[in-house]
Protein backbone atom coordinates (compact mmCIF):
# COMPACT_ATOMS: atom_id res chain seq x y z
CA UNK A 1 70.62 81.10 70.80
CA UNK A 2 68.89 78.18 72.47
CA UNK A 3 67.72 79.42 75.87
CA UNK A 4 68.52 75.96 77.32
CA UNK A 5 72.21 76.70 76.87
CA UNK A 6 72.24 79.93 78.86
CA UNK A 7 71.67 78.69 82.40
CA UNK A 8 72.80 76.02 84.82
CA UNK A 9 71.46 75.02 88.19
CA UNK A 10 73.61 74.26 91.20
CA UNK A 11 72.68 71.58 93.73
CA UNK A 12 71.52 74.33 96.11
CA UNK A 13 68.88 75.27 93.54
CA UNK A 14 70.70 78.47 92.62
CA UNK A 15 70.34 79.20 88.90
CA UNK A 16 73.22 81.02 87.23
CA UNK A 17 74.13 82.16 83.75
CA UNK A 18 76.90 79.92 82.41
CA UNK A 19 78.89 82.76 80.87
CA UNK A 20 81.19 84.65 83.24
CA UNK A 21 82.83 87.05 80.75
CA UNK A 22 80.28 89.84 81.16
CA UNK A 23 80.12 89.51 84.94
CA UNK A 24 83.90 89.53 85.25
CA UNK A 25 84.53 92.56 83.06
CA UNK A 26 81.76 94.64 84.65
CA UNK A 27 82.92 93.72 88.15
CA UNK A 28 86.47 94.76 87.30
CA UNK A 29 85.27 98.14 86.03
CA UNK A 30 82.88 98.68 88.94
CA UNK A 31 85.71 98.31 91.44
CA UNK A 32 88.32 100.08 89.30
CA UNK A 33 86.47 102.77 87.31
CA UNK A 34 89.68 104.34 86.04
CA UNK A 35 90.10 101.51 83.54
CA UNK A 36 87.31 101.61 80.94
CA UNK A 37 86.11 98.19 79.83
CA UNK A 38 86.34 97.18 76.21
CA UNK A 39 83.53 94.73 75.69
CA UNK A 40 83.94 91.91 73.20
CA UNK A 41 80.29 91.68 72.17
CA UNK A 42 80.82 88.23 70.66
CA UNK A 43 81.36 86.93 74.21
CA UNK A 44 78.20 88.48 75.65
CA UNK A 45 75.06 86.34 75.80
CA UNK A 46 71.68 87.75 74.72
CA UNK A 47 70.72 87.67 78.41
CA UNK A 48 73.35 88.57 80.98
CA UNK A 49 73.34 89.41 84.64
CA UNK A 50 75.41 91.70 86.77
CA UNK A 51 75.22 92.88 90.33
CA UNK A 52 76.58 96.20 89.14
CA UNK A 53 75.04 99.00 87.11
CA UNK A 54 77.26 100.75 84.59
CA UNK A 55 75.85 103.69 82.64
CA UNK A 56 77.02 102.09 79.39
CA UNK A 57 74.45 99.30 79.87
CA UNK A 58 71.71 101.65 78.70
CA UNK A 59 73.49 101.86 75.33
CA UNK A 60 74.27 98.14 75.09
CA UNK A 61 70.89 96.59 75.67
CA UNK A 62 67.30 96.98 74.57
CA UNK A 63 66.14 96.25 78.08
CA UNK A 64 67.87 96.36 81.43
CA UNK A 65 66.12 94.89 84.42
CA UNK A 66 66.80 94.33 88.08
CA UNK A 67 65.28 92.01 90.63
CA UNK A 68 63.30 94.10 93.08
CA UNK A 69 62.13 93.11 96.53
CA UNK A 70 60.60 94.92 99.50
CA UNK A 71 63.13 96.23 102.01
CA UNK A 72 61.43 94.19 104.74
CA UNK A 73 62.81 90.94 103.27
CA UNK A 74 66.39 92.09 102.68
CA UNK A 75 67.86 90.82 105.96
CA UNK A 76 66.30 87.41 105.33
CA UNK A 77 67.74 87.37 101.80
CA UNK A 78 71.16 88.19 103.21
CA UNK A 79 70.90 85.30 105.69
CA UNK A 80 69.90 82.92 102.88
CA UNK A 81 72.82 84.24 100.77
CA UNK A 82 75.21 83.50 103.66
CA UNK A 83 73.77 80.00 104.00
CA UNK A 84 73.68 79.07 100.30
CA UNK A 85 76.80 80.74 98.96
CA UNK A 86 79.09 80.52 101.99
CA UNK A 87 77.71 77.53 103.94
CA UNK A 88 76.97 79.90 106.84
CA UNK A 89 80.67 80.70 107.11
CA UNK A 90 80.99 84.45 107.75
CA UNK A 91 84.77 84.27 107.28
CA UNK A 92 84.23 82.99 103.71
CA UNK A 93 81.80 85.84 103.12
CA UNK A 94 84.36 88.32 104.42
CA UNK A 95 87.16 86.81 102.32
CA UNK A 96 85.13 87.13 99.12
CA UNK A 97 83.89 90.66 99.79
CA UNK A 98 86.94 92.27 101.39
CA UNK A 99 89.09 92.66 98.24
CA UNK A 100 86.26 94.48 96.46
CA UNK A 101 85.78 97.20 99.04
CA UNK A 102 87.04 100.75 99.07
CA UNK A 103 90.28 100.75 101.12
CA UNK A 104 88.68 102.69 103.98
CA UNK A 105 85.75 100.25 104.21
CA UNK A 106 88.12 97.27 103.87
CA UNK A 107 90.21 98.57 106.78
CA UNK A 108 87.11 98.57 109.01
CA UNK A 109 85.47 95.38 107.70
CA UNK A 110 85.61 92.22 109.83
CA UNK A 111 83.56 89.11 110.63
CA UNK A 112 81.50 91.08 113.13
CA UNK A 113 80.29 93.69 110.63
CA UNK A 114 80.56 92.15 107.15
CA UNK A 115 76.83 91.35 107.03
CA UNK A 116 75.92 94.87 108.09
CA UNK A 117 78.20 96.36 105.43
CA UNK A 118 76.81 94.10 102.71
CA UNK A 119 73.29 94.95 103.85
CA UNK A 120 74.09 98.67 103.48
CA UNK A 121 75.58 98.11 100.00
CA UNK A 122 72.54 96.13 98.92
CA UNK A 123 70.11 98.73 100.29
CA UNK A 124 71.96 101.50 98.42
CA UNK A 125 72.11 99.43 95.21
CA UNK A 126 68.40 98.60 95.26
CA UNK A 127 67.50 102.25 95.95
CA UNK A 128 69.72 103.36 93.04
CA UNK A 129 68.22 100.73 90.73
CA UNK A 130 64.68 101.69 91.72
CA UNK A 131 65.36 105.32 90.80
CA UNK A 132 67.20 104.51 87.54
CA UNK A 133 64.97 105.32 84.56
CA UNK A 134 66.99 102.88 82.40
CA UNK A 135 66.03 99.90 84.56
CA UNK A 136 62.79 97.96 84.79
CA UNK A 137 61.94 96.07 87.97
CA UNK A 138 61.21 92.36 88.02
CA UNK A 139 59.62 91.46 91.33
CA UNK A 140 61.34 88.61 93.17
CA UNK A 141 58.00 87.50 94.54
CA UNK A 142 56.84 86.80 90.95
CA UNK A 143 59.46 84.05 90.69
CA UNK A 144 57.23 81.91 92.90
CA UNK A 145 54.37 82.00 90.37
CA UNK A 146 55.26 79.72 87.45
CA UNK A 147 53.13 81.52 84.85
CA UNK A 148 54.48 84.94 85.85
CA UNK A 149 58.03 83.61 85.70
CA UNK A 150 57.44 82.14 82.25
CA UNK A 151 56.23 85.57 81.10
CA UNK A 152 59.33 87.20 82.59
CA UNK A 153 61.74 84.71 80.99
CA UNK A 154 60.08 84.85 77.58
CA UNK A 155 60.09 88.64 77.66
CA UNK A 156 63.78 88.69 78.58
CA UNK A 157 64.85 86.21 75.91
CA UNK A 158 62.45 87.64 73.33
CA UNK A 159 61.02 84.27 72.36
CA UNK A 160 59.09 81.35 73.81
CA UNK A 161 61.04 79.03 76.10
CA UNK A 162 62.39 76.33 73.78
CA UNK A 163 62.91 73.68 76.41
CA UNK A 164 59.88 73.72 78.69
CA UNK A 165 60.74 70.32 80.21
CA UNK A 166 64.12 71.64 81.36
CA UNK A 167 62.52 74.89 82.54
CA UNK A 168 59.95 72.96 84.58
CA UNK A 169 62.63 70.73 86.09
CA UNK A 170 64.80 73.69 87.07
CA UNK A 171 61.79 75.63 88.34
CA UNK A 172 60.51 72.82 90.56
CA UNK A 173 64.01 72.19 91.92
CA UNK A 174 64.47 75.93 92.51
CA UNK A 175 61.14 76.09 94.38
CA UNK A 176 62.09 73.09 96.52
CA UNK A 177 65.40 74.71 97.40
CA UNK A 178 63.97 78.15 98.11
CA UNK A 179 61.21 77.56 100.64
CA UNK A 180 62.97 79.90 103.10
CA UNK A 181 63.06 82.63 100.49
CA UNK A 182 59.41 82.07 99.65
CA UNK A 183 58.47 82.26 103.33
CA UNK A 184 59.93 85.78 103.52
CA UNK A 185 57.08 86.94 101.30
CA UNK A 186 54.33 85.01 103.07
CA UNK A 187 55.28 85.83 106.67
CA UNK A 188 56.47 89.40 106.34
């Protein structure tokens, strides 16, 4: 598959995988583990992303990776997430996250504590990913070095980048839109 077809970039600079099938089915299972997913492998891209780890991933993929970052930058990442995804609207953040919580957590979650709860979830997820022998870390800080990022992307897709002009355009736009994120690594 042409690697140019896998990704799209939003005006905020956020780069996402175009396919939502894999993300949707894994999210559904993560929040409702009593219903086992039946994956239609024809709908799964060679490179997929998920914010959830399911044990079956280790049997589905040659390589599973996660984006790692030092705990000292997590609060800053959460603030950037609130800004970019929710336009700094905590109510929007709550509305998106509330339906996916365990009923007890959902009953306690509100605009005053949604960031703290997400921060706890993220901290637990990263710790679990770091200790998972089936996962390999990709350092977020390496995304700011073009040559390291090219190595990461080419390793993930198992081939050279076929559209370097598009990659460069997306990369430079991403850098321009992520100066706050970059500063977390230079000031912390």
